[in-house]
């Protein structure tokens, strides 16, 4: 006569399935958190680029130089930006603004045209 209950094999398979499920859930939460952080950094970088564009068109126009660099604290993080102005046509300059968490690694780039005066 067999005793009711689970065999060692059944318990082992159940633990294996449970372990895979827990690992999958942990990886999903981890990747979601990482994606949210990257998205937040990208949104901050986009805002910094838009701010730099507004400053370039109003208070800080290019005077004699065609490139400049700087840093900005935004959202409690330090971002590095660089701007480059290129002659693209008789009527327009092309402005490229790059923003990143380091001077070498850009996470956002804004490219636009500015009318020559």
Protein backbone atom coordinates (compact mmCIF):
# COMPACT_ATOMS: atom_id res chain seq x y z
CA UNK A 1 0.00 0.00 0.00
CA UNK A 2 1.35 3.42 -1.03
CA UNK A 3 1.39 6.37 1.30
CA UNK A 4 -0.25 9.58 0.06
CA UNK A 5 2.07 12.51 -0.69
CA UNK A 6 4.68 13.62 -3.17
CA UNK A 7 7.70 11.68 -4.28
CA UNK A 8 11.18 13.18 -4.19
CA UNK A 9 11.15 13.47 -7.98
CA UNK A 10 7.91 15.46 -7.98
CA UNK A 11 9.24 17.81 -5.31
CA UNK A 12 12.45 18.31 -7.31
CA UNK A 13 10.57 19.13 -10.51
CA UNK A 14 8.31 21.56 -8.62
CA UNK A 15 11.35 23.32 -7.12
CA UNK A 16 13.00 23.54 -10.55
CA UNK A 17 9.89 25.13 -12.07
CA UNK A 18 9.58 27.52 -9.13
CA UNK A 19 13.26 28.49 -9.43
CA UNK A 20 12.92 29.22 -13.16
CA UNK A 21 9.80 31.31 -12.57
CA UNK A 22 11.43 33.36 -9.79
CA UNK A 23 14.55 33.91 -11.92
CA UNK A 24 12.44 35.07 -14.88
CA UNK A 25 10.47 37.50 -12.73
CA UNK A 26 13.68 38.91 -11.22
CA UNK A 27 15.24 39.41 -14.67
CA UNK A 28 12.08 41.12 -15.90
CA UNK A 29 12.05 43.53 -12.94
CA UNK A 30 15.77 44.20 -13.34
CA UNK A 31 15.54 44.96 -17.07
CA UNK A 32 12.46 47.14 -16.54
CA UNK A 33 14.28 49.19 -13.90
CA UNK A 34 17.32 49.59 -16.17
CA UNK A 35 15.11 50.63 -19.10
CA UNK A 36 13.32 53.19 -16.94
CA UNK A 37 16.64 54.70 -15.84
CA UNK A 38 17.90 54.88 -19.44
CA UNK A 39 14.65 56.48 -20.55
CA UNK A 40 14.88 59.04 -17.75
CA UNK A 41 18.47 59.92 -18.72
CA UNK A 42 17.46 60.28 -22.36
CA UNK A 43 14.54 62.56 -21.43
CA UNK A 44 16.87 64.72 -19.32
CA UNK A 45 19.41 64.85 -22.16
CA UNK A 46 16.68 65.91 -24.61
CA UNK A 47 15.61 68.70 -22.27
CA UNK A 48 19.21 69.91 -21.90
CA UNK A 49 19.62 69.94 -25.71
CA UNK A 50 16.41 71.94 -26.11
CA UNK A 51 17.60 74.38 -23.43
CA UNK A 52 20.96 74.76 -25.19
CA UNK A 53 19.16 75.43 -28.50
CA UNK A 54 17.07 78.15 -26.87
CA UNK A 55 20.18 79.72 -25.31
CA UNK A 56 22.02 79.59 -28.63
CA UNK A 57 19.18 81.45 -30.31
CA UNK A 58 18.85 84.09 -27.58
CA UNK A 59 21.45 84.74 -24.88
CA UNK A 60 24.49 82.74 -26.07
CA UNK A 61 24.85 83.06 -29.85
CA UNK A 62 27.98 81.72 -31.51
CA UNK A 63 30.51 84.54 -31.75
CA UNK A 64 33.54 83.62 -33.81
CA UNK A 65 33.80 80.00 -32.67
CA UNK A 66 32.11 77.01 -34.27
CA UNK A 67 32.23 74.60 -31.29
CA UNK A 68 31.81 74.67 -27.55
CA UNK A 69 31.44 72.26 -24.65
CA UNK A 70 30.12 72.34 -21.14
CA UNK A 71 28.40 70.58 -18.27
CA UNK A 72 24.92 70.79 -16.81
CA UNK A 73 23.44 69.47 -13.57
CA UNK A 74 19.96 68.23 -14.31
CA UNK A 75 17.77 65.90 -12.28
CA UNK A 76 20.57 65.38 -9.76
CA UNK A 77 22.94 64.09 -12.47
CA UNK A 78 25.89 65.63 -14.29
CA UNK A 79 25.50 65.76 -18.08
CA UNK A 80 28.11 66.81 -20.62
CA UNK A 81 27.09 68.72 -23.74
CA UNK A 82 28.85 69.82 -26.90
CA UNK A 83 27.70 72.08 -29.70
CA UNK A 84 29.02 72.35 -33.24
CA UNK A 85 28.01 74.89 -35.87
CA UNK A 86 28.66 74.06 -39.53
CA UNK A 87 28.14 76.08 -42.67
CA UNK A 88 25.60 74.02 -44.64
CA UNK A 89 24.23 76.40 -47.29
CA UNK A 90 24.26 80.09 -48.21
CA UNK A 91 21.17 80.66 -46.03
CA UNK A 92 21.61 78.26 -43.10
CA UNK A 93 24.01 76.93 -40.49
CA UNK A 94 23.61 73.36 -39.21
CA UNK A 95 23.71 73.15 -35.41
CA UNK A 96 24.46 69.84 -33.73
CA UNK A 97 24.00 69.54 -29.96
CA UNK A 98 25.12 66.31 -28.26
CA UNK A 99 24.40 65.41 -24.64
CA UNK A 100 25.64 62.45 -22.58
CA UNK A 101 26.59 61.24 -19.14
CA UNK A 102 30.25 61.48 -20.16
CA UNK A 103 32.08 63.68 -22.65
CA UNK A 104 32.73 60.72 -24.96
CA UNK A 105 29.39 58.87 -24.79
CA UNK A 106 26.35 60.68 -26.19
CA UNK A 107 22.85 59.54 -25.37
CA UNK A 108 21.01 62.25 -27.31
CA UNK A 109 21.76 64.40 -30.35
CA UNK A 110 19.74 67.35 -31.62
CA UNK A 111 20.40 68.55 -35.15
CA UNK A 112 18.73 71.62 -36.58
CA UNK A 113 19.26 74.50 -38.96
CA UNK A 114 19.64 78.13 -38.00
CA UNK A 115 19.15 80.96 -40.46
CA UNK A 116 22.18 83.13 -41.15
CA UNK A 117 21.77 86.79 -40.36
